[in-house]
Amino acid sequence: MNAEALTPLETIAAGRTDVLSDGTKPISSIVQLKNILVPVEFSRTSLKSLQYAVPLAKQFAAKLTILHIATPSFCSPELPDPKPLEAEQLAALEKQLEDIRIARIPADVPVTTLVHCGYAFEGILEVAREIRSDLIITATHGYEGLRHLLVGSVAEHIVRDAPCPVLVVRDLDYDFV
């Protein structure tokens, strides 16, 4: 089969990385991921983000950064910055992240775990900028109606203001990984 007859996906599947028949380059030669940020808040839905992050990190030899933002219950955007976590709280959260790393991420995937204290979407965006993230993979609970109005959507804020592309994972029956 000649190159002009191949679709872009067939070209990639055939291992061709030169140029497609329309003069564009295949995605596999354009996309270069080095740093993937995965915010987690320990729910089943947020941990599902790792199902997408790990294969992408392996495919692109990228580093994963697993981030947890601890938001104190008294936190509100109208109040001054929240106080830092106590040492034992910080240690417990770091242990949870380390347990996730051991249980869900193969040893050959480079991983950094971070715990920050503050407002979720602001902390995620700050870390994304600091580590020069190429991709953020985050989850959404898909709240609707009054709950969405009251709680808001962290994923929505991330998508709106992220310094890089964002993959939003939902807790649906269908997955492509």
Protein backbone atom coordinates (compact mmCIF):
# COMPACT_ATOMS: atom_id res chain seq x y z
CA MET A 1 0.00 0.00 0.00
CA ASN A 2 1.50 3.39 -0.94
CA ALA A 3 1.76 6.30 1.51
CA GLU A 4 -0.84 8.40 -0.28
CA ALA A 5 -3.50 5.72 0.31
CA LEU A 6 -2.94 5.51 4.09
CA THR A 7 -5.10 7.39 6.56
CA PRO A 8 -3.26 9.29 9.33
CA LEU A 9 -3.99 6.51 11.86
CA GLU A 10 -2.84 3.81 9.44
CA THR A 11 0.36 5.75 8.81
CA ILE A 12 1.07 5.92 12.54
CA ALA A 13 0.18 2.24 13.01
CA ALA A 14 2.55 1.31 10.18
CA GLY A 15 5.35 3.09 12.01
CA ARG A 16 5.74 5.86 9.43
CA THR A 17 6.87 9.08 11.05
CA ASP A 18 7.77 11.14 8.00
CA VAL A 19 4.91 13.04 6.36
CA LEU A 20 1.27 12.21 5.65
CA SER A 21 -0.24 12.49 2.19
CA ASP A 22 -1.72 15.88 3.09
CA GLY A 23 1.73 17.23 3.98
CA THR A 24 1.28 17.15 7.76
CA LYS A 25 3.30 15.16 10.27
CA PRO A 26 1.71 12.28 12.17
CA ILE A 27 0.74 13.00 15.79
CA SER A 28 3.38 10.60 17.11
CA SER A 29 6.15 12.81 15.71
CA ILE A 30 4.54 16.06 16.87
CA VAL A 31 3.55 15.28 20.48
CA GLN A 32 6.40 15.16 22.95
CA LEU A 33 5.39 14.65 26.57
CA LYS A 34 8.08 15.05 29.21
CA ASN A 35 6.10 16.02 32.32
CA ILE A 36 2.60 14.77 33.08
CA LEU A 37 0.80 16.20 36.10
CA VAL A 38 -1.86 14.04 37.78
CA PRO A 39 -3.77 15.70 40.63
CA VAL A 40 -5.43 13.23 42.99
CA GLU A 41 -7.72 13.64 45.96
CA PHE A 42 -7.77 9.90 46.77
CA SER A 43 -11.26 9.21 45.42
CA ARG A 44 -11.81 6.30 43.05
CA THR A 45 -12.58 8.78 40.26
CA SER A 46 -9.38 10.79 40.74
CA LEU A 47 -7.26 7.64 40.87
CA LYS A 48 -8.76 6.62 37.53
CA SER A 49 -6.59 9.36 36.00
CA LEU A 50 -3.61 7.09 36.54
CA GLN A 51 -5.11 4.53 34.10
CA TYR A 52 -4.44 7.12 31.40
CA ALA A 53 -1.29 8.72 32.83
CA VAL A 54 0.80 5.56 33.26
CA PRO A 55 0.54 4.29 29.65
CA LEU A 56 1.19 7.78 28.29
CA ALA A 57 4.21 8.19 30.56
CA LYS A 58 5.57 4.84 29.35
CA GLN A 59 4.90 5.59 25.69
CA PHE A 60 6.62 8.99 25.80
CA ALA A 61 9.22 8.19 28.51
CA ALA A 62 7.68 11.04 30.49
CA LYS A 63 7.88 11.76 34.19
CA LEU A 64 4.69 11.66 36.25
CA THR A 65 4.04 14.12 39.03
CA ILE A 66 1.30 12.96 41.36
CA LEU A 67 -0.07 15.94 43.27
CA HIS A 68 -2.43 16.20 46.20
CA ILE A 69 -3.76 19.58 47.28
CA ALA A 70 -4.83 19.55 50.92
CA THR A 71 -7.61 22.06 51.38
CA PRO A 72 -8.39 22.78 55.02
CA SER A 73 -12.11 22.75 55.77
CA PHE A 74 -12.06 26.40 56.81
CA CYS A 75 -10.53 27.46 53.49
CA SER A 76 -12.36 30.06 51.48
CA PRO A 77 -11.12 32.37 48.71
CA GLU A 78 -12.24 35.32 50.85
CA LEU A 79 -9.91 34.32 53.70
CA PRO A 80 -6.13 34.77 53.78
CA ASP A 81 -3.90 31.91 52.71
CA PRO A 82 -4.50 28.72 54.68
CA LYS A 83 -2.00 27.79 57.36
CA PRO A 84 0.54 25.09 56.46
CA LEU A 85 -0.18 21.47 57.25
CA GLU A 86 1.03 20.04 60.53
CA ALA A 87 3.98 17.65 60.20
CA GLU A 88 1.91 14.52 60.96
CA GLN A 89 -0.80 15.53 58.45
CA LEU A 90 1.83 16.10 55.79
CA ALA A 91 3.52 12.77 56.55
CA ALA A 92 0.19 10.90 56.34
CA LEU A 93 -0.65 12.44 52.93
CA GLU A 94 2.85 11.77 51.61
CA LYS A 95 2.48 8.13 52.72
CA GLN A 96 -0.85 7.84 50.90
CA LEU A 97 0.77 9.13 47.71
CA GLU A 98 3.70 6.75 48.14
CA ASP A 99 1.28 3.83 48.61
CA ILE A 100 -0.49 4.82 45.39
CA ARG A 101 2.85 5.03 43.58
CA ILE A 102 3.84 1.55 44.73
CA ALA A 103 0.46 -0.02 43.99
CA ARG A 104 -0.39 1.62 40.66
CA ILE A 105 2.78 2.78 38.92
CA PRO A 106 5.45 0.44 37.53
CA ALA A 107 8.98 0.93 38.83
CA ASP A 108 10.26 1.90 35.37
CA VAL A 109 8.07 5.04 35.26
CA PRO A 110 9.73 8.04 36.91
CA VAL A 111 7.42 9.59 39.52
CA THR A 112 7.50 12.54 41.85
CA THR A 113 4.86 12.94 44.55
CA LEU A 114 3.92 16.34 45.96
CA VAL A 115 1.58 17.60 48.67
CA HIS A 116 0.57 21.26 48.72
CA CYS A 117 -1.86 23.10 50.96
CA GLY A 118 -4.34 25.54 49.48
CA TYR A 119 -7.14 25.83 47.00
CA ALA A 120 -7.31 22.90 44.59
CA PHE A 121 -7.34 24.50 41.15
CA GLU A 122 -4.92 27.30 42.09
CA GLY A 123 -2.43 24.79 43.51
CA ILE A 124 -2.72 22.52 40.49
CA LEU A 125 -2.13 25.37 38.06
CA GLU A 126 0.79 26.67 40.13
CA VAL A 127 2.49 23.26 40.12
CA ALA A 128 1.77 22.80 36.40
CA ARG A 129 3.64 26.03 35.72
CA GLU A 130 6.48 25.22 38.13
CA ILE A 131 7.22 21.80 36.60
CA ARG A 132 6.48 22.99 33.05
CA SER A 133 3.85 20.31 32.64
CA ASP A 134 3.13 19.19 29.08
CA LEU A 135 -0.19 17.60 30.05
CA ILE A 136 -2.51 17.58 33.04
CA ILE A 137 -4.65 14.49 33.47
CA THR A 138 -7.42 15.19 35.95
CA ALA A 139 -10.72 13.65 36.92
CA THR A 140 -14.15 15.14 37.25
CA HIS A 141 -16.98 13.86 39.38
CA GLY A 142 -19.46 15.32 36.93
CA TYR A 143 -21.57 17.13 39.50
CA GLU A 144 -24.61 18.85 38.06
CA GLY A 145 -27.25 21.27 39.24
CA LEU A 146 -27.11 22.70 42.74
CA ARG A 147 -24.06 20.68 43.78
CA HIS A 148 -22.10 22.00 40.78
CA LEU A 149 -23.25 25.52 41.63
CA LEU A 150 -22.20 25.19 45.29
CA VAL A 151 -19.02 23.12 44.90
CA GLY A 152 -17.97 24.35 41.48
CA SER A 153 -15.81 22.33 39.18
CA VAL A 154 -12.09 22.15 39.81
CA ALA A 155 -11.69 20.44 36.42
CA GLU A 156 -13.53 23.31 34.73
CA HIS A 157 -11.17 25.87 36.31
CA ILE A 158 -8.14 23.79 35.31
CA VAL A 159 -9.28 23.48 31.69
CA ARG A 160 -10.01 27.19 31.49
CA ASP A 161 -6.67 28.41 32.89
CA ALA A 162 -4.14 25.60 32.39
CA PRO A 163 -0.78 26.43 30.82
CA CYS A 164 -0.90 23.15 28.85
CA PRO A 165 -3.41 20.67 27.41
CA VAL A 166 -5.74 18.92 29.86
CA LEU A 167 -7.23 15.44 29.63
CA VAL A 168 -10.35 15.19 31.80
CA VAL A 169 -11.30 11.68 32.90
CA ARG A 170 -14.87 10.87 33.89
CA ASP A 171 -16.10 7.89 35.81
CA LEU A 172 -18.03 6.34 32.94
CA ASP A 173 -18.60 2.76 31.86
CA TYR A 174 -16.54 3.17 28.69
CA ASP A 175 -12.78 3.74 28.68
CA PHE A 176 -10.28 3.69 25.85
CA VAL A 177 -7.45 2.34 28.00
